[in-house]
Amino acid sequence: MPNQSNPWETLSSQRFYESRYVNVDQDEVRHRSGKVHSYTALLFRIYGIAVLPIFDDGSTTLIGQYRYVSRRYTWELPRGSGPKTTEPLETAKRELQEETGAHAGQWLEVVRLMVSPGITDEMAPCFVAWDLEQGAAHPDPQEDLSTRRVPFQQAVAECLDGTICDAPSVATILAVQARVAQGGLPEDLLRRLR
């Protein structure tokens, strides 16, 4: 069994940057082996969520938008962020309604991702939502969103061929696919996905 205790001792820590979303710290640490190392850490004040909405016919909605930081257009699940002081499910409900107009009667958190644990503490709770009621979308005015409704199995295929490459979207879709194969979802959701 590997030693799972914390091998690091923090010698010093300096905050280089602080915003409403993220802090950047530079830490000097010593490993239990004696080696001293510098760590730059991105410490998030928010978390990002992803929602896989499943309609009665087994389809889902994908969101298309240009992502400034990655300099590319992406297709992904409805996504958003909320402060760590709020419940992820409340953020997920808000984002689903804003981006798609849908309200869900049923919710299940399927995976909670550590996005890039070597450099950041960012977490991404990911949900599947069903028993949907469609309403009007109200996206953020600065978001130029496209939507397309596709069968769930097409979303799975797009994860595998790289069309969908956003990590929380891929993880959510493939986690649900794995649970479908294992029968590990509520029966009313499984009926929609089979």
Protein backbone atom coordinates (compact mmCIF):
# COMPACT_ATOMS: atom_id res chain seq x y z
CA MET A 1 0.00 0.00 0.00
CA PRO A 2 1.50 3.40 -0.98
CA ASN A 3 2.11 6.06 1.65
CA GLN A 4 -0.79 8.48 1.12
CA SER A 5 0.20 11.05 3.74
CA ASN A 6 1.20 14.58 2.72
CA PRO A 7 4.94 14.51 1.92
CA TRP A 8 5.26 18.32 1.73
CA GLU A 9 6.17 20.90 4.37
CA THR A 10 5.34 24.50 3.42
CA LEU A 11 8.35 26.71 4.11
CA SER A 12 6.87 29.97 2.78
CA SER A 13 3.93 31.18 0.74
CA GLN A 14 3.48 34.40 -1.20
CA ARG A 15 0.33 35.58 -2.98
CA PHE A 16 1.23 37.10 -6.36
CA TYR A 17 -2.25 37.75 -7.71
CA GLU A 18 -5.80 37.91 -6.41
CA SER A 19 -9.06 38.35 -8.32
CA ARG A 20 -12.69 37.50 -7.72
CA TYR A 21 -12.11 34.17 -9.52
CA VAL A 22 -8.60 32.98 -8.71
CA ASN A 23 -5.58 33.57 -6.50
CA VAL A 24 -2.02 32.75 -7.58
CA ASP A 25 0.36 31.65 -4.83
CA GLN A 26 4.07 30.82 -4.97
CA ASP A 27 5.04 28.32 -2.26
CA GLU A 28 8.45 27.05 -1.24
CA VAL A 29 8.04 23.48 0.00
CA ARG A 30 10.27 20.71 1.26
CA HIS A 31 9.56 17.11 0.30
CA ARG A 32 10.05 14.43 2.97
CA SER A 33 13.13 13.37 0.93
CA GLY A 34 14.67 16.75 1.84
CA LYS A 35 14.46 18.32 -1.62
CA VAL A 36 13.19 21.93 -1.67
CA HIS A 37 10.84 22.82 -4.51
CA SER A 38 8.91 25.88 -5.72
CA TYR A 39 5.19 25.45 -6.45
CA THR A 40 2.98 27.93 -8.28
CA ALA A 41 -0.64 27.21 -7.41
CA LEU A 42 -3.84 28.53 -8.96
CA LEU A 43 -6.35 28.59 -6.11
CA PHE A 44 -9.89 29.01 -7.37
CA ARG A 45 -12.55 30.94 -5.50
CA ILE A 46 -15.18 29.40 -7.77
CA TYR A 47 -16.01 25.98 -9.11
CA GLY A 48 -17.16 25.08 -12.61
CA ILE A 49 -20.16 22.85 -13.23
CA ALA A 50 -21.36 20.83 -16.21
CA VAL A 51 -24.92 19.61 -16.80
CA LEU A 52 -25.97 16.79 -19.13
CA PRO A 53 -29.67 17.43 -19.80
CA ILE A 54 -31.54 14.33 -20.99
CA PHE A 55 -34.87 14.86 -22.73
CA ASP A 56 -37.65 12.25 -22.82
CA ASP A 57 -36.53 11.10 -26.29
CA GLY A 58 -32.97 10.47 -25.03
CA SER A 59 -31.47 13.55 -26.67
CA THR A 60 -29.33 16.22 -25.07
CA THR A 61 -28.43 19.83 -25.77
CA LEU A 62 -24.89 20.90 -26.60
CA ILE A 63 -23.71 24.49 -26.34
CA GLY A 64 -21.36 26.00 -28.93
CA GLN A 65 -19.30 29.07 -28.21
CA TYR A 66 -15.97 30.67 -28.89
CA ARG A 67 -13.70 30.32 -25.85
CA TYR A 68 -11.37 33.29 -25.64
CA VAL A 69 -8.62 31.72 -23.54
CA SER A 70 -8.31 28.56 -25.67
CA ARG A 71 -8.78 30.61 -28.87
CA ARG A 72 -11.24 28.15 -30.39
CA TYR A 73 -14.90 27.38 -30.88
CA THR A 74 -16.06 24.52 -28.66
CA TRP A 75 -19.06 22.26 -28.29
CA GLU A 76 -19.75 21.37 -24.69
CA LEU A 77 -22.48 20.70 -22.18
CA PRO A 78 -24.23 23.60 -20.48
CA ARG A 79 -21.46 24.96 -18.22
CA GLY A 80 -20.98 27.69 -15.72
CA SER A 81 -19.38 28.66 -12.46
CA GLY A 82 -20.38 29.70 -9.00
CA PRO A 83 -18.67 30.88 -5.84
CA LYS A 84 -17.53 28.16 -3.46
CA THR A 85 -19.99 29.60 -0.92
CA THR A 86 -22.97 28.33 -2.96
CA GLU A 87 -24.17 24.77 -3.51
CA PRO A 88 -23.07 23.35 -6.88
CA LEU A 89 -26.59 22.06 -7.59
CA GLU A 90 -28.01 25.59 -7.36
CA THR A 91 -25.39 26.80 -9.84
CA ALA A 92 -26.18 23.85 -12.13
CA LYS A 93 -29.91 24.64 -12.08
CA ARG A 94 -29.23 28.30 -12.88
CA GLU A 95 -26.85 27.53 -15.75
CA LEU A 96 -29.18 24.93 -17.32
CA GLN A 97 -32.03 27.44 -17.32
CA GLU A 98 -29.90 30.36 -18.55
CA GLU A 99 -28.23 28.49 -21.42
CA THR A 100 -31.02 26.13 -22.55
CA GLY A 101 -34.25 27.37 -20.96
CA ALA A 102 -34.84 23.93 -19.45
CA HIS A 103 -35.86 23.15 -15.88
CA ALA A 104 -35.24 19.64 -14.54
CA GLY A 105 -37.34 17.69 -12.07
CA GLN A 106 -34.56 15.18 -11.38
CA TRP A 107 -30.83 15.70 -10.75
CA LEU A 108 -27.89 13.41 -10.04
CA GLU A 109 -24.25 14.37 -9.49
CA VAL A 110 -22.33 11.79 -11.55
CA VAL A 111 -18.72 12.88 -11.08
CA ARG A 112 -16.71 15.54 -9.23
CA LEU A 113 -13.51 16.32 -11.11
CA MET A 114 -10.20 17.65 -9.90
CA VAL A 115 -9.48 19.59 -13.09
CA SER A 116 -5.67 19.71 -13.00
CA PRO A 117 -4.50 18.75 -9.49
CA GLY A 118 -0.81 19.34 -10.17
CA ILE A 119 -1.29 23.10 -10.50
CA THR A 120 -4.82 24.03 -9.37
CA ASP A 121 -7.40 23.19 -6.72
CA GLU A 122 -10.25 23.72 -9.21
CA MET A 123 -13.15 21.31 -8.76
CA ALA A 124 -15.91 20.62 -11.27
CA PRO A 125 -19.09 18.97 -10.00
CA CYS A 126 -20.90 17.39 -12.97
CA PHE A 127 -24.59 16.51 -13.13
CA VAL A 128 -27.14 14.69 -15.25
CA ALA A 129 -30.60 16.27 -15.29
CA TRP A 130 -33.85 14.77 -16.60
CA ASP A 131 -37.62 15.11 -16.34
CA LEU A 132 -37.13 18.35 -18.27
CA GLU A 133 -39.58 21.13 -18.90
CA GLN A 134 -38.58 23.48 -21.71
CA GLY A 135 -38.73 27.24 -21.29
CA ALA A 136 -36.96 30.25 -22.76
CA ALA A 137 -33.19 30.54 -22.48
CA HIS A 138 -31.69 33.69 -20.97
CA PRO A 139 -27.94 33.53 -21.67
CA ASP A 140 -25.54 36.11 -20.35
CA PRO A 141 -25.49 39.01 -22.88
CA GLN A 142 -21.71 38.64 -23.41
CA GLU A 143 -22.10 34.95 -24.32
CA ASP A 144 -22.69 34.32 -28.01
CA LEU A 145 -24.11 30.80 -27.73
CA SER A 146 -25.33 28.28 -30.28
CA THR A 147 -27.28 25.20 -29.29
CA ARG A 148 -27.89 21.89 -30.96
CA ARG A 149 -29.92 18.96 -29.78
CA VAL A 150 -28.38 15.56 -30.49
CA PRO A 151 -29.07 11.95 -29.48
CA PHE A 152 -27.11 10.97 -26.38
CA GLN A 153 -25.13 8.35 -28.33
CA GLN A 154 -24.05 11.05 -30.80
CA ALA A 155 -22.70 13.08 -27.86
CA VAL A 156 -20.76 9.97 -26.75
CA ALA A 157 -19.35 9.57 -30.28
CA GLU A 158 -18.36 13.27 -30.37
CA CYS A 159 -16.42 12.81 -27.11
CA LEU A 160 -14.54 9.90 -28.65
CA ASP A 161 -13.77 11.66 -31.95
CA GLY A 162 -12.66 14.92 -30.29
CA THR A 163 -15.56 17.12 -31.41
CA ILE A 164 -16.39 17.58 -27.72
CA CYS A 165 -13.05 18.15 -25.97
CA ASP A 166 -14.03 20.16 -22.88
CA ALA A 167 -12.88 17.92 -20.00
CA PRO A 168 -15.94 18.23 -17.69
CA SER A 169 -18.27 17.66 -20.65
CA VAL A 170 -16.35 14.57 -21.78
CA ALA A 171 -16.14 13.19 -18.24
CA THR A 172 -19.85 13.73 -17.61
CA ILE A 173 -21.02 12.18 -20.88
CA LEU A 174 -18.70 9.16 -20.57
CA ALA A 175 -19.54 8.67 -16.87
CA VAL A 176 -23.23 8.52 -17.76
CA GLN A 177 -22.47 6.14 -20.65
CA ALA A 178 -20.56 3.85 -18.25
CA ARG A 179 -23.46 3.93 -15.79
CA VAL A 180 -25.90 3.08 -18.59
CA ALA A 181 -23.77 0.02 -19.43
CA GLN A 182 -23.75 -1.01 -15.76
CA GLY A 183 -27.42 -0.19 -15.15
CA GLY A 184 -26.26 2.24 -12.45
CA LEU A 185 -28.79 5.02 -12.97
CA PRO A 186 -32.40 5.52 -11.87
CA GLU A 187 -34.75 3.42 -14.02
CA ASP A 188 -36.67 6.41 -15.42
CA LEU A 189 -33.38 7.88 -16.67
CA LEU A 190 -32.15 4.54 -18.05
CA ARG A 191 -35.36 4.24 -20.10
CA ARG A 192 -34.56 7.54 -21.80
CA LEU A 193 -30.98 6.49 -22.58
CA ARG A 194 -31.49 2.95 -23.86
